[in-house]
Amino acid sequence: MLESERRILFEYPDHQIEIEWNGSATFNVFTGGKNVNCFTDYNCKTMEQAQKSSDEWLEEQLKEETLNNADPN
């Protein structure tokens, strides 16, 4: 995790993803330095809550990707 003025960056090197939290409700998702997605969570008030929200969001995305890539046969 990297912290700058008001933005906190959670890194997921195994998935080549970084999630930046703006300290409020907005999370921006980066891969290869490019902003590829975003999500909001209005319940995050602390860095720990933001980390949990980021972890849960990424886990959900990975589950969806696995289901979308599953062989129907």
N, C-alpha and C. Protein backbone atom coordinates (compact mmCIF):
# COMPACT_ATOMS: atom_id res chain seq x y z
N MET A 1 0.84 -1.17 0.00
CA MET A 1 0.00 0.00 0.00
C MET A 1 0.89 1.23 0.00
N LEU A 2 0.56 2.18 -0.84
CA LEU A 2 1.26 3.46 -0.88
C LEU A 2 0.27 4.55 -0.51
N GLU A 3 0.75 5.52 0.27
CA GLU A 3 -0.13 6.61 0.68
C GLU A 3 0.47 7.93 0.25
N SER A 4 -0.30 8.73 -0.46
CA SER A 4 0.10 10.08 -0.79
C SER A 4 -0.94 11.01 -0.20
N GLU A 5 -0.82 12.28 -0.43
CA GLU A 5 -1.62 13.29 0.24
C GLU A 5 -3.01 12.81 0.68
N ARG A 6 -3.90 12.55 -0.22
CA ARG A 6 -5.24 12.12 0.16
C ARG A 6 -5.65 10.86 -0.57
N ARG A 7 -4.72 10.26 -1.27
CA ARG A 7 -5.04 9.07 -2.03
C ARG A 7 -4.23 7.90 -1.49
N ILE A 8 -4.85 6.75 -1.43
CA ILE A 8 -4.19 5.55 -0.94
C ILE A 8 -4.26 4.51 -2.04
N LEU A 9 -3.14 3.87 -2.30
CA LEU A 9 -3.04 2.89 -3.37
C LEU A 9 -2.86 1.50 -2.79
N PHE A 10 -3.79 0.60 -3.10
CA PHE A 10 -3.69 -0.80 -2.70
C PHE A 10 -3.19 -1.57 -3.91
N GLU A 11 -2.12 -2.34 -3.71
CA GLU A 11 -1.49 -3.04 -4.82
C GLU A 11 -1.79 -4.54 -4.74
N TYR A 12 -2.08 -5.12 -5.91
CA TYR A 12 -2.35 -6.55 -6.05
C TYR A 12 -1.45 -7.09 -7.16
N PRO A 13 -0.15 -7.26 -6.87
CA PRO A 13 0.80 -7.64 -7.92
C PRO A 13 0.49 -8.98 -8.59
N ASP A 14 -0.12 -9.92 -7.88
CA ASP A 14 -0.46 -11.21 -8.48
C ASP A 14 -1.45 -11.06 -9.63
N HIS A 15 -2.23 -9.99 -9.60
CA HIS A 15 -3.25 -9.76 -10.62
C HIS A 15 -2.93 -8.55 -11.49
N GLN A 16 -1.76 -7.93 -11.25
CA GLN A 16 -1.33 -6.74 -11.98
C GLN A 16 -2.38 -5.63 -11.91
N ILE A 17 -2.90 -5.43 -10.71
CA ILE A 17 -3.95 -4.43 -10.48
C ILE A 17 -3.56 -3.56 -9.30
N GLU A 18 -3.88 -2.29 -9.42
CA GLU A 18 -3.76 -1.34 -8.33
C GLU A 18 -5.10 -0.65 -8.17
N ILE A 19 -5.52 -0.47 -6.94
CA ILE A 19 -6.78 0.22 -6.66
C ILE A 19 -6.47 1.44 -5.80
N GLU A 20 -6.86 2.60 -6.31
CA GLU A 20 -6.59 3.86 -5.62
C GLU A 20 -7.87 4.34 -4.95
N TRP A 21 -7.78 4.61 -3.67
CA TRP A 21 -8.90 5.15 -2.90
C TRP A 21 -8.65 6.63 -2.67
N ASN A 22 -9.66 7.45 -2.92
CA ASN A 22 -9.49 8.89 -2.80
C ASN A 22 -9.72 9.41 -1.38
N GLY A 23 -9.92 8.49 -0.43
CA GLY A 23 -10.15 8.90 0.95
C GLY A 23 -11.60 9.20 1.25
N SER A 24 -12.45 9.08 0.25
CA SER A 24 -13.88 9.33 0.41
C SER A 24 -14.63 8.07 -0.02
N ALA A 25 -15.29 8.09 -1.15
CA ALA A 25 -16.09 6.95 -1.59
C ALA A 25 -15.63 6.34 -2.90
N THR A 26 -14.72 7.01 -3.60
CA THR A 26 -14.36 6.59 -4.95
C THR A 26 -13.07 5.76 -4.97
N PHE A 27 -13.13 4.68 -5.73
CA PHE A 27 -11.98 3.81 -5.95
C PHE A 27 -11.75 3.72 -7.45
N ASN A 28 -10.52 3.96 -7.89
CA ASN A 28 -10.15 3.83 -9.30
C ASN A 28 -9.25 2.62 -9.45
N VAL A 29 -9.52 1.83 -10.47
CA VAL A 29 -8.79 0.58 -10.70
C VAL A 29 -7.84 0.78 -11.88
N PHE A 30 -6.58 0.42 -11.67
CA PHE A 30 -5.55 0.59 -12.68
C PHE A 30 -4.90 -0.74 -13.01
N THR A 31 -4.56 -0.90 -14.27
CA THR A 31 -3.71 -2.00 -14.71
C THR A 31 -2.77 -1.44 -15.77
N GLY A 32 -1.49 -1.73 -15.62
CA GLY A 32 -0.51 -1.18 -16.55
C GLY A 32 -0.49 0.34 -16.55
N GLY A 33 -0.83 0.95 -15.43
CA GLY A 33 -0.83 2.41 -15.33
C GLY A 33 -2.05 3.08 -15.94
N LYS A 34 -2.97 2.29 -16.49
CA LYS A 34 -4.18 2.85 -17.11
C LYS A 34 -5.39 2.63 -16.21
N ASN A 35 -6.21 3.66 -16.09
CA ASN A 35 -7.45 3.57 -15.32
C ASN A 35 -8.44 2.75 -16.13
N VAL A 36 -8.80 1.56 -15.64
CA VAL A 36 -9.64 0.64 -16.41
C VAL A 36 -11.03 0.44 -15.80
N ASN A 37 -11.23 0.91 -14.59
CA ASN A 37 -12.53 0.72 -13.95
C ASN A 37 -12.60 1.61 -12.72
N CYS A 38 -13.79 1.71 -12.14
CA CYS A 38 -13.95 2.43 -10.88
C CYS A 38 -15.17 1.88 -10.16
N PHE A 39 -15.21 2.11 -8.87
CA PHE A 39 -16.38 1.73 -8.08
C PHE A 39 -16.46 2.66 -6.87
N THR A 40 -17.60 2.68 -6.22
CA THR A 40 -17.78 3.51 -5.03
C THR A 40 -18.23 2.65 -3.87
N ASP A 41 -17.86 3.09 -2.68
CA ASP A 41 -18.31 2.46 -1.44
C ASP A 41 -18.44 3.58 -0.42
N TYR A 42 -19.66 3.97 -0.14
CA TYR A 42 -19.92 5.09 0.76
C TYR A 42 -19.76 4.72 2.23
N ASN A 43 -19.50 3.45 2.52
CA ASN A 43 -19.35 3.01 3.91
C ASN A 43 -17.91 3.10 4.41
N CYS A 44 -16.96 3.41 3.56
CA CYS A 44 -15.54 3.44 3.95
C CYS A 44 -15.19 4.75 4.64
N LYS A 45 -14.76 4.64 5.87
CA LYS A 45 -14.32 5.82 6.62
C LYS A 45 -12.85 5.69 7.03
N THR A 46 -12.32 4.47 7.04
CA THR A 46 -10.95 4.25 7.46
C THR A 46 -10.17 3.51 6.37
N MET A 47 -8.86 3.53 6.51
CA MET A 47 -8.01 2.83 5.56
C MET A 47 -8.28 1.32 5.61
N GLU A 48 -8.55 0.80 6.79
CA GLU A 48 -8.84 -0.63 6.93
C GLU A 48 -10.13 -1.00 6.19
N GLN A 49 -11.15 -0.16 6.31
CA GLN A 49 -12.40 -0.40 5.60
C GLN A 49 -12.20 -0.31 4.09
N ALA A 50 -11.39 0.63 3.65
CA ALA A 50 -11.10 0.78 2.22
C ALA A 50 -10.33 -0.43 1.69
N GLN A 51 -9.39 -0.93 2.49
CA GLN A 51 -8.64 -2.13 2.09
C GLN A 51 -9.59 -3.31 1.94
N LYS A 52 -10.48 -3.46 2.89
CA LYS A 52 -11.45 -4.57 2.83
C LYS A 52 -12.36 -4.42 1.62
N SER A 53 -12.82 -3.22 1.35
CA SER A 53 -13.68 -2.98 0.20
C SER A 53 -12.96 -3.30 -1.09
N SER A 54 -11.70 -2.89 -1.19
CA SER A 54 -10.90 -3.18 -2.38
C SER A 54 -10.70 -4.68 -2.56
N ASP A 55 -10.36 -5.35 -1.47
CA ASP A 55 -10.18 -6.81 -1.52
C ASP A 55 -11.45 -7.51 -1.98
N GLU A 56 -12.59 -7.10 -1.42
CA GLU A 56 -13.87 -7.72 -1.77
C GLU A 56 -14.25 -7.43 -3.22
N TRP A 57 -14.00 -6.20 -3.68
CA TRP A 57 -14.32 -5.86 -5.06
C TRP A 57 -13.50 -6.71 -6.02
N LEU A 58 -12.20 -6.81 -5.75
CA LEU A 58 -11.33 -7.60 -6.63
C LEU A 58 -11.73 -9.07 -6.61
N GLU A 59 -12.03 -9.60 -5.44
CA GLU A 59 -12.46 -11.00 -5.34
C GLU A 59 -13.72 -11.24 -6.17
N GLU A 60 -14.67 -10.33 -6.11
CA GLU A 60 -15.90 -10.46 -6.89
C GLU A 60 -15.61 -10.42 -8.38
N GLN A 61 -14.73 -9.50 -8.78
CA GLN A 61 -14.38 -9.40 -10.20
C GLN A 61 -13.70 -10.68 -10.69
N LEU A 62 -12.83 -11.24 -9.87
CA LEU A 62 -12.14 -12.47 -10.26
C LEU A 62 -13.12 -13.64 -10.36
N LYS A 63 -14.10 -13.69 -9.46
CA LYS A 63 -15.14 -14.74 -9.53
C LYS A 63 -15.94 -14.61 -10.82
N GLU A 64 -16.34 -13.37 -11.15
CA GLU A 64 -17.11 -13.14 -12.38
C GLU A 64 -16.30 -13.53 -13.60
N GLU A 65 -15.02 -13.19 -13.60
CA GLU A 65 -14.15 -13.53 -14.73
C GLU A 65 -14.03 -15.04 -14.88
N THR A 66 -13.90 -15.73 -13.76
CA THR A 66 -13.81 -17.19 -13.79
C THR A 66 -15.10 -17.80 -14.35
N LEU A 67 -16.24 -17.28 -13.90
CA LEU A 67 -17.53 -17.79 -14.41
C LEU A 67 -17.70 -17.49 -15.88
N ASN A 68 -17.30 -16.31 -16.31
CA ASN A 68 -17.44 -15.94 -17.73
C ASN A 68 -16.53 -16.76 -18.63
N ASN A 69 -15.40 -17.22 -18.08
CA ASN A 69 -14.46 -17.99 -18.88
C ASN A 69 -14.63 -19.50 -18.72
N ALA A 70 -15.60 -19.90 -17.91
CA ALA A 70 -15.83 -21.34 -17.69
C ALA A 70 -16.36 -22.01 -18.94
N ASP A 71 -15.92 -23.20 -19.17
CA ASP A 71 -16.37 -23.99 -20.32
C ASP A 71 -17.76 -24.54 -20.00
N PRO A 72 -18.77 -24.22 -20.79
CA PRO A 72 -20.12 -24.67 -20.50
C PRO A 72 -20.31 -26.18 -20.69
N ASN A 73 -19.37 -26.88 -21.29
CA ASN A 73 -19.52 -28.32 -21.53
C ASN A 73 -18.98 -29.10 -20.39
